[in-house]
PDB file of N, CA and C in Angstrom:
ATOM      1  N   UNK A   1       7.700   0.233  -2.960  1.00  0.00           N
ATOM      2  CA  UNK A   1       6.807   0.392  -4.088  1.00  0.00           C
ATOM      3  C   UNK A   1       7.626   0.696  -5.343  1.00  0.00           C
ATOM      4  N   UNK A   2       7.096   0.242  -6.473  1.00  0.00           N
ATOM      5  CA  UNK A   2       7.731   0.599  -7.737  1.00  0.00           C
ATOM      6  C   UNK A   2       7.447   2.075  -8.023  1.00  0.00           C
ATOM      7  N   UNK A   3       8.218   2.678  -8.902  1.00  0.00           N
ATOM      8  CA  UNK A   3       8.021   4.105  -9.216  1.00  0.00           C
ATOM      9  C   UNK A   3       6.645   4.388  -9.818  1.00  0.00           C
ATOM     10  N   UNK A   4       6.102   3.419 -10.560  1.00  0.00           N
ATOM     11  CA  UNK A   4       4.811   3.632 -11.212  1.00  0.00           C
ATOM     12  C   UNK A   4       3.674   2.867 -10.515  1.00  0.00           C
ATOM     13  N   UNK A   5       3.864   2.542  -9.237  1.00  0.00           N
ATOM     14  CA  UNK A   5       2.874   1.773  -8.483  1.00  0.00           C
ATOM     15  C   UNK A   5       1.535   2.518  -8.390  1.00  0.00           C
ATOM     16  N   UNK A   6       0.469   1.721  -8.294  1.00  0.00           N
ATOM     17  CA  UNK A   6      -0.879   2.268  -8.140  1.00  0.00           C
ATOM     18  C   UNK A   6      -1.565   1.614  -6.950  1.00  0.00           C
ATOM     19  N   UNK A   7      -2.419   2.381  -6.278  1.00  0.00           N
ATOM     20  CA  UNK A   7      -3.286   1.864  -5.232  1.00  0.00           C
ATOM     21  C   UNK A   7      -4.716   2.181  -5.640  1.00  0.00           C
ATOM     22  N   UNK A   8      -5.523   1.127  -5.763  1.00  0.00           N
ATOM     23  CA  UNK A   8      -6.905   1.278  -6.204  1.00  0.00           C
ATOM     24  C   UNK A   8      -7.795   1.074  -4.992  1.00  0.00           C
ATOM     25  N   UNK A   9      -8.497   2.143  -4.616  1.00  0.00           N
ATOM     26  CA  UNK A   9      -9.386   2.111  -3.460  1.00  0.00           C
ATOM     27  C   UNK A   9     -10.775   2.536  -3.911  1.00  0.00           C
ATOM     28  N   UNK A  10     -11.737   2.355  -3.039  1.00  0.00           N
ATOM     29  CA  UNK A  10     -13.105   2.716  -3.393  1.00  0.00           C
ATOM     30  C   UNK A  10     -13.165   4.185  -3.834  1.00  0.00           C
ATOM     31  N   UNK A  11     -13.521   4.400  -5.092  1.00  0.00           N
ATOM     32  CA  UNK A  11     -13.698   5.742  -5.625  1.00  0.00           C
ATOM     33  C   UNK A  11     -12.450   6.462  -6.087  1.00  0.00           C
ATOM     34  N   UNK A  12     -11.271   5.798  -6.075  1.00  0.00           N
ATOM     35  CA  UNK A  12     -10.063   6.526  -6.462  1.00  0.00           C
ATOM     36  C   UNK A  12      -8.946   5.576  -6.895  1.00  0.00           C
ATOM     37  N   UNK A  13      -8.036   6.109  -7.679  1.00  0.00           N
ATOM     38  CA  UNK A  13      -6.798   5.431  -8.044  1.00  0.00           C
ATOM     39  C   UNK A  13      -5.672   6.397  -7.699  1.00  0.00           C
ATOM     40  N   UNK A  14      -4.748   5.939  -6.853  1.00  0.00           N
ATOM     41  CA  UNK A  14      -3.673   6.795  -6.362  1.00  0.00           C
ATOM     42  C   UNK A  14      -2.334   6.333  -6.917  1.00  0.00           C
ATOM     43  N   UNK A  15      -1.508   7.283  -7.301  1.00  0.00           N
ATOM     44  CA  UNK A  15      -0.139   6.991  -7.703  1.00  0.00           C
ATOM     45  C   UNK A  15       0.744   6.897  -6.468  1.00  0.00           C
ATOM     46  N   UNK A  16       1.969   6.498  -6.676  1.00  0.00           N
ATOM     47  CA  UNK A  16       2.915   6.273  -5.577  1.00  0.00           C
ATOM     48  C   UNK A  16       3.050   7.484  -4.648  1.00  0.00           C
ATOM     49  N   UNK A  17       3.256   8.666  -5.189  1.00  0.00           N
ATOM     50  CA  UNK A  17       3.428   9.853  -4.348  1.00  0.00           C
ATOM     51  C   UNK A  17       2.188  10.143  -3.518  1.00  0.00           C
ATOM     52  N   UNK A  18       1.000   9.974  -4.116  1.00  0.00           N
ATOM     53  CA  UNK A  18      -0.251  10.190  -3.381  1.00  0.00           C
ATOM     54  C   UNK A  18      -0.418   9.168  -2.256  1.00  0.00           C
ATOM     55  N   UNK A  19      -0.023   7.924  -2.512  1.00  0.00           N
ATOM     56  CA  UNK A  19      -0.107   6.882  -1.483  1.00  0.00           C
ATOM     57  C   UNK A  19       0.799   7.230  -0.309  1.00  0.00           C
ATOM     58  N   UNK A  20       2.034   7.609  -0.595  1.00  0.00           N
ATOM     59  CA  UNK A  20       2.977   7.952   0.473  1.00  0.00           C
ATOM     60  C   UNK A  20       2.487   9.142   1.283  1.00  0.00           C
ATOM     61  N   UNK A  21       1.920  10.138   0.628  1.00  0.00           N
ATOM     62  CA  UNK A  21       1.359  11.297   1.333  1.00  0.00           C
ATOM     63  C   UNK A  21       0.205  10.872   2.231  1.00  0.00           C
ATOM     64  N   UNK A  22      -0.680  10.018   1.715  1.00  0.00           N
ATOM     65  CA  UNK A  22      -1.824   9.547   2.500  1.00  0.00           C
ATOM     66  C   UNK A  22      -1.353   8.752   3.723  1.00  0.00           C
ATOM     67  N   UNK A  23      -0.340   7.903   3.560  1.00  0.00           N
ATOM     68  CA  UNK A  23       0.165   7.125   4.689  1.00  0.00           C
ATOM     69  C   UNK A  23       0.774   8.025   5.757  1.00  0.00           C
ATOM     70  N   UNK A  24       1.463   9.063   5.351  1.00  0.00           N
ATOM     71  CA  UNK A  24       2.079   9.981   6.318  1.00  0.00           C
ATOM     72  C   UNK A  24       1.030  10.698   7.161  1.00  0.00           C
ATOM     73  N   UNK A  25      -0.153  10.941   6.588  1.00  0.00           N
ATOM     74  CA  UNK A  25      -1.200  11.677   7.289  1.00  0.00           C
ATOM     75  C   UNK A  25      -2.196  10.811   8.031  1.00  0.00           C
ATOM     76  N   UNK A  26      -1.932   9.501   8.125  1.00  0.00           N
ATOM     77  CA  UNK A  26      -2.881   8.588   8.750  1.00  0.00           C
ATOM     78  C   UNK A  26      -2.193   7.813   9.865  1.00  0.00           C
ATOM     79  N   UNK A  27      -2.873   7.703  10.997  1.00  0.00           N
ATOM     80  CA  UNK A  27      -2.329   6.913  12.111  1.00  0.00           C
ATOM     81  C   UNK A  27      -2.290   5.438  11.714  1.00  0.00           C
ATOM     82  N   UNK A  28      -1.285   4.707  12.190  1.00  0.00           N
ATOM     83  CA  UNK A  28      -1.223   3.275  11.858  1.00  0.00           C
ATOM     84  C   UNK A  28      -2.361   2.504  12.541  1.00  0.00           C
ATOM     85  N   UNK A  29      -2.651   1.341  11.996  1.00  0.00           N
ATOM     86  CA  UNK A  29      -3.663   0.481  12.611  1.00  0.00           C
ATOM     87  C   UNK A  29      -3.147  -0.017  13.957  1.00  0.00           C
ATOM     88  N   UNK A  30      -4.042  -0.148  14.929  1.00  0.00           N
ATOM     89  CA  UNK A  30      -3.669  -0.701  16.236  1.00  0.00           C
ATOM     90  C   UNK A  30      -3.451  -2.206  16.138  1.00  0.00           C
ATOM     91  N   UNK A  31      -4.235  -2.862  15.285  1.00  0.00           N
ATOM     92  CA  UNK A  31      -4.130  -4.310  15.098  1.00  0.00           C
ATOM     93  C   UNK A  31      -4.733  -4.673  13.748  1.00  0.00           C
ATOM     94  N   UNK A  32      -4.279  -5.784  13.189  1.00  0.00           N
ATOM     95  CA  UNK A  32      -4.883  -6.278  11.953  1.00  0.00           C
ATOM     96  C   UNK A  32      -4.736  -7.792  11.890  1.00  0.00           C
ATOM     97  N   UNK A  33      -5.646  -8.399  11.152  1.00  0.00           N
ATOM     98  CA  UNK A  33      -5.632  -9.842  10.939  1.00  0.00           C
ATOM     99  C   UNK A  33      -5.728 -10.093   9.436  1.00  0.00           C
ATOM    100  N   UNK A  34      -5.017 -11.101   8.963  1.00  0.00           N
ATOM    101  CA  UNK A  34      -5.101 -11.502   7.561  1.00  0.00           C
ATOM    102  C   UNK A  34      -5.785 -12.860   7.508  1.00  0.00           C
ATOM    103  N   UNK A  35      -6.822 -12.963   6.677  1.00  0.00           N
ATOM    104  CA  UNK A  35      -7.592 -14.192   6.536  1.00  0.00           C
ATOM    105  C   UNK A  35      -7.590 -14.638   5.072  1.00  0.00           C
ATOM    106  N   UNK A  36      -7.687 -15.939   4.865  1.00  0.00           N
ATOM    107  CA  UNK A  36      -7.860 -16.528   3.539  1.00  0.00           C
ATOM    108  C   UNK A  36      -6.785 -16.089   2.526  1.00  0.00           C
ATOM    109  N   UNK A  37      -5.511 -16.086   2.914  1.00  0.00           N
ATOM    110  CA  UNK A  37      -4.490 -15.661   1.946  1.00  0.00           C
ATOM    111  C   UNK A  37      -4.356 -16.659   0.793  1.00  0.00           C
ATOM    112  N   UNK A  38      -4.130 -16.126  -0.390  1.00  0.00           N
ATOM    113  CA  UNK A  38      -3.892 -16.949  -1.578  1.00  0.00           C
ATOM    114  C   UNK A  38      -2.802 -16.268  -2.399  1.00  0.00           C
ATOM    115  N   UNK A  39      -1.886 -17.073  -2.916  1.00  0.00           N
ATOM    116  CA  UNK A  39      -0.778 -16.552  -3.710  1.00  0.00           C
ATOM    117  C   UNK A  39      -0.893 -17.074  -5.137  1.00  0.00           C
ATOM    118  N   UNK A  40      -0.733 -16.165  -6.085  1.00  0.00           N
ATOM    119  CA  UNK A  40      -0.696 -16.522  -7.502  1.00  0.00           C
ATOM    120  C   UNK A  40       0.676 -16.105  -8.021  1.00  0.00           C
ATOM    121  N   UNK A  41       1.485 -17.078  -8.432  1.00  0.00           N
ATOM    122  CA  UNK A  41       2.807 -16.768  -8.968  1.00  0.00           C
ATOM    123  C   UNK A  41       2.675 -16.333 -10.423  1.00  0.00           C
ATOM    124  N   UNK A  42       3.383 -15.296 -10.771  1.00  0.00           N
ATOM    125  CA  UNK A  42       3.420 -14.798 -12.152  1.00  0.00           C
ATOM    126  C   UNK A  42       4.858 -14.910 -12.646  1.00  0.00           C
ATOM    127  N   UNK A  43       5.341 -16.121 -12.740  1.00  0.00           N
ATOM    128  CA  UNK A  43       6.726 -16.348 -13.109  1.00  0.00           C
ATOM    129  C   UNK A  43       7.625 -16.262 -11.889  1.00  0.00           C
ATOM    130  N   UNK A  44       8.903 -16.047 -12.127  1.00  0.00           N
ATOM    131  CA  UNK A  44       9.901 -16.018 -11.053  1.00  0.00           C
ATOM    132  C   UNK A  44       9.995 -14.669 -10.349  1.00  0.00           C
ATOM    133  N   UNK A  45       9.526 -13.613 -10.993  1.00  0.00           N
ATOM    134  CA  UNK A  45       9.789 -12.278 -10.474  1.00  0.00           C
ATOM    135  C   UNK A  45       8.538 -11.466 -10.169  1.00  0.00           C
ATOM    136  N   UNK A  46       7.383 -12.136 -10.113  1.00  0.00           N
ATOM    137  CA  UNK A  46       6.152 -11.403  -9.818  1.00  0.00           C
ATOM    138  C   UNK A  46       5.126 -12.354  -9.214  1.00  0.00           C
ATOM    139  N   UNK A  47       4.207 -11.781  -8.460  1.00  0.00           N
ATOM    140  CA  UNK A  47       3.145 -12.581  -7.873  1.00  0.00           C
ATOM    141  C   UNK A  47       2.066 -11.689  -7.293  1.00  0.00           C
ATOM    142  N   UNK A  48       0.924 -12.306  -7.035  1.00  0.00           N
ATOM    143  CA  UNK A  48      -0.213 -11.594  -6.445  1.00  0.00           C
ATOM    144  C   UNK A  48      -0.554 -12.269  -5.126  1.00  0.00           C
ATOM    145  N   UNK A  49      -0.756 -11.478  -4.093  1.00  0.00           N
ATOM    146  CA  UNK A  49      -1.253 -11.952  -2.812  1.00  0.00           C
ATOM    147  C   UNK A  49      -2.670 -11.417  -2.659  1.00  0.00           C
ATOM    148  N   UNK A  50      -3.648 -12.317  -2.546  1.00  0.00           N
ATOM    149  CA  UNK A  50      -5.045 -11.920  -2.347  1.00  0.00           C
ATOM    150  C   UNK A  50      -5.455 -12.374  -0.950  1.00  0.00           C
ATOM    151  N   UNK A  51      -6.224 -11.549  -0.248  1.00  0.00           N
ATOM    152  CA  UNK A  51      -6.587 -11.881   1.124  1.00  0.00           C
ATOM    153  C   UNK A  51      -7.720 -10.990   1.625  1.00  0.00           C
ATOM    154  N   UNK A  52      -8.276 -11.374   2.757  1.00  0.00           N
ATOM    155  CA  UNK A  52      -9.234 -10.546   3.484  1.00  0.00           C
ATOM    156  C   UNK A  52      -8.497 -10.028   4.708  1.00  0.00           C
ATOM    157  N   UNK A  53      -8.635  -8.749   4.989  1.00  0.00           N
ATOM    158  CA  UNK A  53      -7.988  -8.152   6.152  1.00  0.00           C
ATOM    159  C   UNK A  53      -9.041  -7.488   7.041  1.00  0.00           C
ATOM    160  N   UNK A  54      -8.859  -7.643   8.338  1.00  0.00           N
ATOM    161  CA  UNK A  54      -9.673  -6.938   9.319  1.00  0.00           C
ATOM    162  C   UNK A  54      -8.695  -6.107  10.143  1.00  0.00           C
ATOM    163  N   UNK A  55      -8.883  -4.787  10.115  1.00  0.00           N
ATOM    164  CA  UNK A  55      -7.951  -3.885  10.800  1.00  0.00           C
ATOM    165  C   UNK A  55      -8.720  -3.015  11.795  1.00  0.00           C
ATOM    166  N   UNK A  56      -8.052  -2.664  12.893  1.00  0.00           N
ATOM    167  CA  UNK A  56      -8.681  -1.854  13.937  1.00  0.00           C
ATOM    168  C   UNK A  56      -7.797  -0.670  14.307  1.00  0.00           C
ATOM    169  N   UNK A  57      -8.445   0.480  14.437  1.00  0.00           N
ATOM    170  CA  UNK A  57      -7.785   1.708  14.895  1.00  0.00           C
ATOM    171  C   UNK A  57      -8.790   2.383  15.828  1.00  0.00           C
ATOM    172  N   UNK A  58      -8.539   2.325  17.133  1.00  0.00           N
ATOM    173  CA  UNK A  58      -9.517   2.856  18.083  1.00  0.00           C
ATOM    174  C   UNK A  58     -10.830   2.103  17.933  1.00  0.00           C
ATOM    175  N   UNK A  59     -11.925   2.834  17.728  1.00  0.00           N
ATOM    176  CA  UNK A  59     -13.236   2.214  17.526  1.00  0.00           C
ATOM    177  C   UNK A  59     -13.503   1.874  16.061  1.00  0.00           C
ATOM    178  N   UNK A  60     -12.617   2.281  15.169  1.00  0.00           N
ATOM    179  CA  UNK A  60     -12.788   2.036  13.736  1.00  0.00           C
ATOM    180  C   UNK A  60     -12.374   0.604  13.383  1.00  0.00           C
ATOM    181  N   UNK A  61     -13.231  -0.076  12.630  1.00  0.00           N
ATOM    182  CA  UNK A  61     -12.923  -1.417  12.150  1.00  0.00           C
ATOM    183  C   UNK A  61     -13.094  -1.421  10.635  1.00  0.00           C
ATOM    184  N   UNK A  62     -12.088  -1.899   9.922  1.00  0.00           N
ATOM    185  CA  UNK A  62     -12.156  -2.018   8.465  1.00  0.00           C
ATOM    186  C   UNK A  62     -12.096  -3.495   8.110  1.00  0.00           C
ATOM    187  N   UNK A  63     -13.067  -3.938   7.326  1.00  0.00           N
ATOM    188  CA  UNK A  63     -13.103  -5.319   6.826  1.00  0.00           C
ATOM    189  C   UNK A  63     -12.970  -5.217   5.303  1.00  0.00           C
ATOM    190  N   UNK A  64     -11.829  -5.645   4.769  1.00  0.00           N
ATOM    191  CA  UNK A  64     -11.494  -5.394   3.372  1.00  0.00           C
ATOM    192  C   UNK A  64     -11.075  -6.658   2.638  1.00  0.00           C
ATOM    193  N   UNK A  65     -11.338  -6.673   1.356  1.00  0.00           N
ATOM    194  CA  UNK A  65     -10.779  -7.672   0.450  1.00  0.00           C
ATOM    195  C   UNK A  65      -9.665  -6.959  -0.308  1.00  0.00           C
ATOM    196  N   UNK A  66      -8.506  -7.591  -0.397  1.00  0.00           N
ATOM    197  CA  UNK A  66      -7.359  -6.924  -1.017  1.00  0.00           C
ATOM    198  C   UNK A  66      -6.608  -7.861  -1.944  1.00  0.00           C
ATOM    199  N   UNK A  67      -5.921  -7.249  -2.890  1.00  0.00           N
ATOM    200  CA  UNK A  67      -4.935  -7.974  -3.682  1.00  0.00           C
ATOM    201  C   UNK A  67      -3.760  -7.033  -3.903  1.00  0.00           C
ATOM    202  N   UNK A  68      -2.579  -7.590  -3.767  1.00  0.00           N
ATOM    203  CA  UNK A  68      -1.357  -6.818  -3.954  1.00  0.00           C
ATOM    204  C   UNK A  68      -0.474  -7.561  -4.944  1.00  0.00           C
ATOM    205  N   UNK A  69      -0.028  -6.847  -5.964  1.00  0.00           N
ATOM    206  CA  UNK A  69       0.861  -7.420  -6.969  1.00  0.00           C
ATOM    207  C   UNK A  69       2.285  -6.978  -6.638  1.00  0.00           C
ATOM    208  N   UNK A  70       3.171  -7.960  -6.505  1.00  0.00           N
ATOM    209  CA  UNK A  70       4.559  -7.697  -6.151  1.00  0.00           C
ATOM    210  C   UNK A  70       5.470  -7.995  -7.333  1.00  0.00           C
ATOM    211  N   UNK A  71       6.532  -7.220  -7.444  1.00  0.00           N
ATOM    212  CA  UNK A  71       7.557  -7.413  -8.464  1.00  0.00           C
ATOM    213  C   UNK A  71       8.903  -7.539  -7.758  1.00  0.00           C
ATOM    214  N   UNK A  72       9.656  -8.580  -8.081  1.00  0.00           N
ATOM    215  CA  UNK A  72      10.986  -8.777  -7.515  1.00  0.00           C
ATOM    216  C   UNK A  72      12.002  -8.067  -8.389  1.00  0.00           C
ATOM    217  N   UNK A  73      12.720  -7.105  -7.803  1.00  0.00           N
ATOM    218  CA  UNK A  73      13.695  -6.332  -8.563  1.00  0.00           C
ATOM    219  C   UNK A  73      14.799  -5.866  -7.632  1.00  0.00           C
ATOM    220  N   UNK A  74      16.007  -5.926  -8.086  1.00  0.00           N
ATOM    221  CA  UNK A  74      17.161  -5.426  -7.334  1.00  0.00           C
ATOM    222  C   UNK A  74      17.253  -6.062  -5.948  1.00  0.00           C
ATOM    223  N   UNK A  75      16.947  -7.367  -5.872  1.00  0.00           N
ATOM    224  CA  UNK A  75      17.114  -8.106  -4.624  1.00  0.00           C
ATOM    225  C   UNK A  75      16.003  -7.971  -3.606  1.00  0.00           C
ATOM    226  N   UNK A  76      14.870  -7.368  -3.975  1.00  0.00           N
ATOM    227  CA  UNK A  76      13.780  -7.195  -3.013  1.00  0.00           C
ATOM    228  C   UNK A  76      12.426  -7.212  -3.727  1.00  0.00           C
ATOM    229  N   UNK A  77      11.373  -7.504  -2.954  1.00  0.00           N
ATOM    230  CA  UNK A  77      10.008  -7.475  -3.481  1.00  0.00           C
ATOM    231  C   UNK A  77       9.447  -6.071  -3.312  1.00  0.00           C
ATOM    232  N   UNK A  78       8.770  -5.565  -4.350  1.00  0.00           N
ATOM    233  CA  UNK A  78       8.196  -4.222  -4.348  1.00  0.00           C
ATOM    234  C   UNK A  78       6.724  -4.295  -4.746  1.00  0.00           C
ATOM    235  N   UNK A  79       5.902  -3.450  -4.137  1.00  0.00           N
ATOM    236  CA  UNK A  79       4.493  -3.374  -4.509  1.00  0.00           C
ATOM    237  C   UNK A  79       4.370  -2.633  -5.835  1.00  0.00           C
ATOM    238  N   UNK A  80       3.742  -3.285  -6.815  1.00  0.00           N
ATOM    239  CA  UNK A  80       3.494  -2.653  -8.115  1.00  0.00           C
ATOM    240  C   UNK A  80       2.056  -2.151  -8.198  1.00  0.00           C
ATOM    241  N   UNK A  81       1.134  -2.883  -7.559  1.00  0.00           N
ATOM    242  CA  UNK A  81      -0.276  -2.466  -7.557  1.00  0.00           C
ATOM    243  C   UNK A  81      -0.946  -3.054  -6.327  1.00  0.00           C
ATOM    244  N   UNK A  82      -1.840  -2.278  -5.735  1.00  0.00           N
ATOM    245  CA  UNK A  82      -2.604  -2.729  -4.580  1.00  0.00           C
ATOM    246  C   UNK A  82      -4.038  -2.310  -4.779  1.00  0.00           C
ATOM    247  N   UNK A  83      -4.953  -3.226  -4.567  1.00  0.00           N
ATOM    248  CA  UNK A  83      -6.384  -2.964  -4.722  1.00  0.00           C
ATOM    249  C   UNK A  83      -7.066  -3.376  -3.432  1.00  0.00           C
ATOM    250  N   UNK A  84      -7.988  -2.528  -2.957  1.00  0.00           N
ATOM    251  CA  UNK A  84      -8.760  -2.907  -1.774  1.00  0.00           C
ATOM    252  C   UNK A  84     -10.220  -2.470  -1.923  1.00  0.00           C
ATOM    253  N   UNK A  85     -11.104  -3.342  -1.448  1.00  0.00           N
ATOM    254  CA  UNK A  85     -12.541  -3.116  -1.557  1.00  0.00           C
ATOM    255  C   UNK A  85     -13.181  -3.513  -0.236  1.00  0.00           C
ATOM    256  N   UNK A  86     -14.157  -2.753   0.218  1.00  0.00           N
ATOM    257  CA  UNK A  86     -14.858  -3.175   1.442  1.00  0.00           C
ATOM    258  C   UNK A  86     -15.473  -4.551   1.247  1.00  0.00           C
ATOM    259  N   UNK A  87     -15.436  -5.362   2.293  1.00  0.00           N
ATOM    260  CA  UNK A  87     -15.987  -6.727   2.233  1.00  0.00           C
ATOM    261  C   UNK A  87     -17.509  -6.682   2.214  1.00  0.00           C
TER     262      UNK A  87
END
């Protein structure tokens, strides 16, 4: 993630540190599927990946629409912004 990355979720906008804290306190998904991926190039060093994801953790199922904006810097792709909304 970039230093100023944001994650936009239902009812909240989280900065990078908040996202990392939330990930540390949450069990990983048991399985996930990506559907309908679409890529929008924003020049040579940035792009957006939009998709529908279905993820499962135990009996919990999440069906989400997502978009992630990536920035290429220092030889690697980094998440600059991620947005997710229930389908």
